[in-house]
Amino acid sequence: MFGRIMWPALGAGCAAGVVFAVLQIFLTTPLILHAERYEASLSGSHYAQVVPSVLKSGTADGAQLWQVHGDAHTEQAWEPEDGLERMAYTALTAVLTGVGYGLLLVSAMALKGGAISPRSGLAWGVAGFIAFAMAPAMGLPPELPGSAAADLMSRQIWWAGTVIATVIGIAGLVFARNPVWSAASVVLIAIPHIVGAPEAGGYVSDAPAELAAEFVSVSLGASLVFWAVLGSVAALLWTRGEPGRSPVGA
């Protein structure tokens, strides 16, 4: 069974990763480089000091220190050189990410059982996009360098909780036949958004708002294509793994 799961996940992950890398190189990376030029043009301050309330006794009452991406350390962090090196690392990261998500997706498909087809694989992929990309982006949208952000650990915890709640909620909506379970699934999906994602206390960005908005839409579009390819190819490879037999029953 491990081989039945591993090979479709590996093939689909590589295919989706390559497609995703191409989309990143030609769509999102230029936006990141553009934002980095805005970031580099600043005076060199590593933090943005924001005073949301009036000054009292010579102090900033309620002042908050916002972390700005790319400026959290005084030393320049390593990053790949522009050009071939950056593209190579982008492709490698995308493929490894694709294989990891492919393993999760194929395992879920095998665990659910029943017939698997490229069409049902596409549906699985769309569900993966909703759970791993769209739902978290409603609270923590993709961010350009130079954007203010809350504490990293808090963001990771909220992201993981949102993904888990959305996965369980989608499963309940699709597979549960009880209206009570369906209603509970909707509530579960909504809970992370009712609680709210961690905030930096306001909004600070070196790049224009139009550039940030374009980055969010392009990133989510590329993610949707990634998950669609991942689910469809995984299902196709799964069904071809056992010719003439029920794919999951093998």
Protein backbone atom coordinates (compact mmCIF):
# COMPACT_ATOMS: atom_id res chain seq x y z
CA MET A 1 0.00 0.00 0.00
CA PHE A 2 2.91 2.33 0.69
CA GLY A 3 4.04 2.03 -2.92
CA ARG A 4 0.48 2.58 -4.16
CA ILE A 5 0.41 5.86 -2.25
CA MET A 6 4.02 6.92 -2.76
CA TRP A 7 4.28 6.79 -6.56
CA PRO A 8 1.10 8.76 -7.38
CA ALA A 9 2.07 11.30 -4.71
CA LEU A 10 5.59 11.58 -6.07
CA GLY A 11 4.49 11.93 -9.69
CA ALA A 12 1.68 14.36 -8.95
CA GLY A 13 3.86 16.35 -6.56
CA CYS A 14 6.59 16.76 -9.16
CA ALA A 15 4.12 17.73 -11.88
CA ALA A 16 2.26 20.22 -9.69
CA GLY A 17 5.53 21.54 -8.28
CA VAL A 18 6.97 22.24 -11.71
CA VAL A 19 3.79 24.03 -12.79
CA PHE A 20 3.76 26.01 -9.56
CA ALA A 21 7.43 26.94 -9.95
CA VAL A 22 6.80 28.27 -13.46
CA LEU A 23 3.88 30.35 -12.18
CA GLN A 24 6.01 31.68 -9.34
CA ILE A 25 8.96 32.55 -11.57
CA PHE A 26 6.86 34.45 -14.10
CA LEU A 27 4.07 35.84 -11.89
CA THR A 28 4.90 36.17 -8.20
CA THR A 29 8.69 36.52 -8.21
CA PRO A 30 8.63 39.74 -10.29
CA LEU A 31 6.22 41.23 -7.75
CA ILE A 32 8.51 40.21 -4.88
CA LEU A 33 11.52 41.75 -6.60
CA HIS A 34 9.51 44.89 -7.23
CA ALA A 35 8.56 45.08 -3.54
CA GLU A 36 12.18 44.52 -2.51
CA ARG A 37 13.15 47.64 -4.44
CA TYR A 38 10.70 49.65 -2.36
CA GLU A 39 12.06 48.02 0.79
CA ALA A 40 15.67 48.81 -0.15
CA SER A 41 14.81 52.44 -0.80
CA LEU A 42 13.97 53.10 2.86
CA SER A 43 16.31 54.91 5.19
CA GLY A 44 17.56 51.67 6.76
CA SER A 45 15.31 51.55 9.80
CA HIS A 46 14.62 47.96 10.83
CA TYR A 47 11.36 48.69 12.58
CA ALA A 48 8.42 51.04 12.13
CA GLN A 49 7.39 52.87 15.26
CA VAL A 50 3.67 53.56 15.35
CA VAL A 51 1.96 55.77 17.92
CA PRO A 52 -1.79 55.00 17.85
CA SER A 53 -2.76 57.29 20.70
CA VAL A 54 -1.91 60.73 22.03
CA LEU A 55 1.37 61.46 23.76
CA LYS A 56 1.13 61.54 27.52
CA SER A 57 3.86 62.86 29.76
CA GLY A 58 6.39 62.70 26.98
CA THR A 59 5.74 59.00 26.26
CA ALA A 60 3.81 57.25 23.51
CA ASP A 61 0.87 55.71 25.31
CA GLY A 62 -0.03 52.45 23.58
CA ALA A 63 2.82 52.69 21.07
CA GLN A 64 3.53 49.41 19.33
CA LEU A 65 6.63 48.11 17.61
CA TRP A 66 5.76 46.34 14.39
CA GLN A 67 8.03 43.76 12.82
CA VAL A 68 8.57 44.43 9.15
CA HIS A 69 9.43 41.49 6.90
CA GLY A 70 12.98 41.48 5.72
CA ASP A 71 14.21 43.92 8.37
CA ALA A 72 14.05 41.86 11.54
CA HIS A 73 17.83 41.50 11.85
CA THR A 74 20.67 43.89 11.54
CA GLU A 75 22.65 41.46 9.43
CA GLN A 76 21.58 40.71 5.89
CA ALA A 77 20.12 37.21 5.75
CA TRP A 78 21.28 34.89 3.01
CA GLU A 79 19.13 34.72 -0.07
CA PRO A 80 19.69 33.23 -3.54
CA GLU A 81 21.06 35.44 -6.25
CA ASP A 82 18.65 36.75 -8.84
CA GLY A 83 18.46 34.74 -12.02
CA LEU A 84 19.21 31.04 -12.40
CA GLU A 85 20.03 30.43 -8.74
CA ARG A 86 16.76 31.93 -7.52
CA MET A 87 14.79 29.98 -10.14
CA ALA A 88 16.50 26.73 -9.15
CA TYR A 89 15.68 27.16 -5.47
CA THR A 90 12.14 28.20 -6.34
CA ALA A 91 11.65 25.05 -8.44
CA LEU A 92 13.19 22.78 -5.79
CA THR A 93 11.03 24.23 -3.03
CA ALA A 94 7.89 23.96 -5.16
CA VAL A 95 8.54 20.31 -6.06
CA LEU A 96 9.29 19.32 -2.45
CA THR A 97 6.14 21.11 -1.34
CA GLY A 98 4.16 19.34 -4.05
CA VAL A 99 5.41 15.91 -3.00
CA GLY A 100 4.57 16.61 0.64
CA TYR A 101 1.05 17.77 -0.14
CA GLY A 102 0.72 14.93 -2.64
CA LEU A 103 1.35 12.39 0.10
CA LEU A 104 -1.34 13.99 2.26
CA LEU A 105 -3.82 14.14 -0.60
CA VAL A 106 -3.32 10.60 -1.90
CA SER A 107 -3.40 9.21 1.65
CA ALA A 108 -6.72 10.94 2.25
CA MET A 109 -8.11 9.63 -1.04
CA ALA A 110 -7.04 6.08 -0.20
CA LEU A 111 -8.41 6.33 3.34
CA LYS A 112 -11.78 7.53 2.09
CA GLY A 113 -12.03 4.64 -0.37
CA GLY A 114 -14.37 4.29 -3.32
CA ALA A 115 -13.72 4.95 -6.97
CA ILE A 116 -11.10 7.54 -7.87
CA SER A 117 -11.08 9.39 -11.18
CA PRO A 118 -9.34 12.51 -12.49
CA ARG A 119 -12.62 14.39 -11.95
CA SER A 120 -12.88 13.33 -8.31
CA GLY A 121 -9.16 14.05 -7.96
CA LEU A 122 -9.81 17.58 -9.15
CA ALA A 123 -12.48 17.93 -6.46
CA TRP A 124 -9.99 16.70 -3.86
CA GLY A 125 -7.51 19.25 -5.14
CA VAL A 126 -10.00 22.11 -4.88
CA ALA A 127 -10.79 21.02 -1.32
CA GLY A 128 -7.07 21.09 -0.57
CA PHE A 129 -6.84 24.61 -1.99
CA ILE A 130 -9.70 25.79 0.20
CA ALA A 131 -8.22 24.22 3.34
CA PHE A 132 -4.53 25.01 2.88
CA ALA A 133 -4.62 28.27 0.94
CA MET A 134 -7.92 30.14 0.71
CA ALA A 135 -9.16 29.74 4.28
CA PRO A 136 -5.84 30.75 5.91
CA ALA A 137 -5.49 33.64 3.44
CA MET A 138 -8.75 35.12 4.74
CA GLY A 139 -6.85 35.98 7.92
CA LEU A 140 -3.22 35.84 6.84
CA PRO A 141 -3.02 36.76 3.16
CA PRO A 142 0.25 36.30 1.25
CA GLU A 143 2.57 39.17 2.12
CA LEU A 144 5.24 41.00 0.22
CA PRO A 145 8.63 41.86 1.74
CA GLY A 146 8.38 45.00 3.85
CA SER A 147 4.91 44.22 5.22
CA ALA A 148 4.15 44.41 8.93
CA ALA A 149 3.41 41.08 10.58
CA ALA A 150 2.46 39.71 13.98
CA ASP A 151 4.58 37.25 15.94
CA LEU A 152 5.65 34.31 13.77
CA MET A 153 4.69 31.61 16.27
CA SER A 154 1.21 33.10 16.71
CA ARG A 155 0.70 33.17 12.95
CA GLN A 156 1.85 29.55 12.58
CA ILE A 157 -0.48 28.36 15.32
CA TRP A 158 -3.45 30.19 13.80
CA TRP A 159 -2.60 28.88 10.32
CA ALA A 160 -2.37 25.28 11.54
CA GLY A 161 -5.59 25.57 13.52
CA THR A 162 -7.40 27.06 10.53
CA VAL A 163 -6.20 24.29 8.23
CA ILE A 164 -7.24 21.55 10.66
CA ALA A 165 -10.64 23.10 11.31
CA THR A 166 -11.27 23.60 7.60
CA VAL A 167 -10.22 20.05 6.68
CA ILE A 168 -12.51 18.55 9.31
CA GLY A 169 -15.30 20.94 8.37
CA ILE A 170 -15.11 20.15 4.67
CA ALA A 171 -15.10 16.42 5.45
CA GLY A 172 -18.19 16.86 7.59
CA LEU A 173 -20.01 18.85 4.91
CA VAL A 174 -19.16 16.41 2.12
CA PHE A 175 -19.44 13.05 3.83
CA ALA A 176 -21.82 13.58 6.76
CA ARG A 177 -25.46 12.83 6.09
CA ASN A 178 -26.72 14.29 9.35
CA PRO A 179 -27.86 17.95 9.27
CA VAL A 180 -26.53 18.43 12.79
CA TRP A 181 -23.05 17.34 11.71
CA SER A 182 -23.28 19.61 8.68
CA ALA A 183 -24.18 22.59 10.85
CA ALA A 184 -21.38 21.74 13.27
CA SER A 185 -18.96 21.59 10.34
CA VAL A 186 -19.92 25.11 9.25
CA VAL A 187 -19.40 26.39 12.79
CA LEU A 188 -16.02 24.64 13.00
CA ILE A 189 -14.86 26.24 9.75
CA ALA A 190 -15.93 29.66 11.02
CA ILE A 191 -14.34 29.45 14.48
CA PRO A 192 -10.76 30.45 13.48
CA HIS A 193 -12.10 33.48 11.62
CA ILE A 194 -14.35 34.46 14.51
CA VAL A 195 -11.35 34.28 16.84
CA GLY A 196 -9.35 36.22 14.27
CA ALA A 197 -5.81 35.92 12.98
CA PRO A 198 -2.93 37.50 14.91
CA GLU A 199 -2.47 41.14 13.97
CA ALA A 200 0.48 43.47 14.04
CA GLY A 201 -1.70 46.22 15.48
CA GLY A 202 -2.16 48.01 12.19
CA TYR A 203 -0.91 48.00 8.63
CA VAL A 204 2.54 49.02 7.47
CA SER A 205 4.00 48.20 4.09
CA ASP A 206 6.87 49.54 2.05
CA ALA A 207 5.17 48.56 -1.22
CA PRO A 208 2.04 50.27 -2.61
CA ALA A 209 -1.32 48.77 -1.71
CA GLU A 210 -2.02 48.01 -5.38
CA LEU A 211 1.12 45.86 -5.57
CA ALA A 212 0.20 44.01 -2.37
CA ALA A 213 -3.33 43.33 -3.66
CA GLU A 214 -1.98 42.03 -6.96
CA PHE A 215 0.41 39.74 -5.10
CA VAL A 216 -2.41 38.25 -3.04
CA SER A 217 -4.61 37.55 -6.08
CA VAL A 218 -1.75 36.13 -8.16
CA SER A 219 -0.51 33.96 -5.28
CA LEU A 220 -3.95 32.49 -4.64
CA GLY A 221 -4.50 31.91 -8.37
CA ALA A 222 -1.18 30.07 -8.64
CA SER A 223 -2.08 28.02 -5.57
CA LEU A 224 -5.42 27.05 -7.11
CA VAL A 225 -3.68 25.81 -10.27
CA PHE A 226 -1.16 23.92 -8.12
CA TRP A 227 -3.85 22.08 -6.18
CA ALA A 228 -5.94 21.37 -9.28
CA VAL A 229 -2.95 19.79 -11.04
CA LEU A 230 -1.97 17.91 -7.88
CA GLY A 231 -5.39 16.33 -7.38
CA SER A 232 -6.02 15.51 -11.04
CA VAL A 233 -2.61 13.98 -11.72
CA ALA A 234 -2.61 12.06 -8.43
CA ALA A 235 -5.98 10.50 -9.28
CA LEU A 236 -4.85 9.71 -12.83
CA LEU A 237 -1.68 7.98 -11.64
CA TRP A 238 -3.61 6.13 -8.96
CA THR A 239 -6.14 4.71 -11.42
CA ARG A 240 -3.37 3.67 -13.82
CA GLY A 241 -1.48 1.88 -11.07
CA GLU A 242 -3.86 -1.10 -11.13
CA PRO A 243 -5.27 -1.58 -14.67
CA GLY A 244 -8.61 -3.33 -14.73
CA ARG A 245 -9.08 -3.24 -10.96
CA SER A 246 -10.79 -0.95 -8.47
CA PRO A 247 -8.07 1.52 -7.58
CA VAL A 248 -8.66 1.66 -3.85
CA GLY A 249 -9.66 -1.94 -3.47
CA ALA A 250 -6.32 -3.14 -4.81
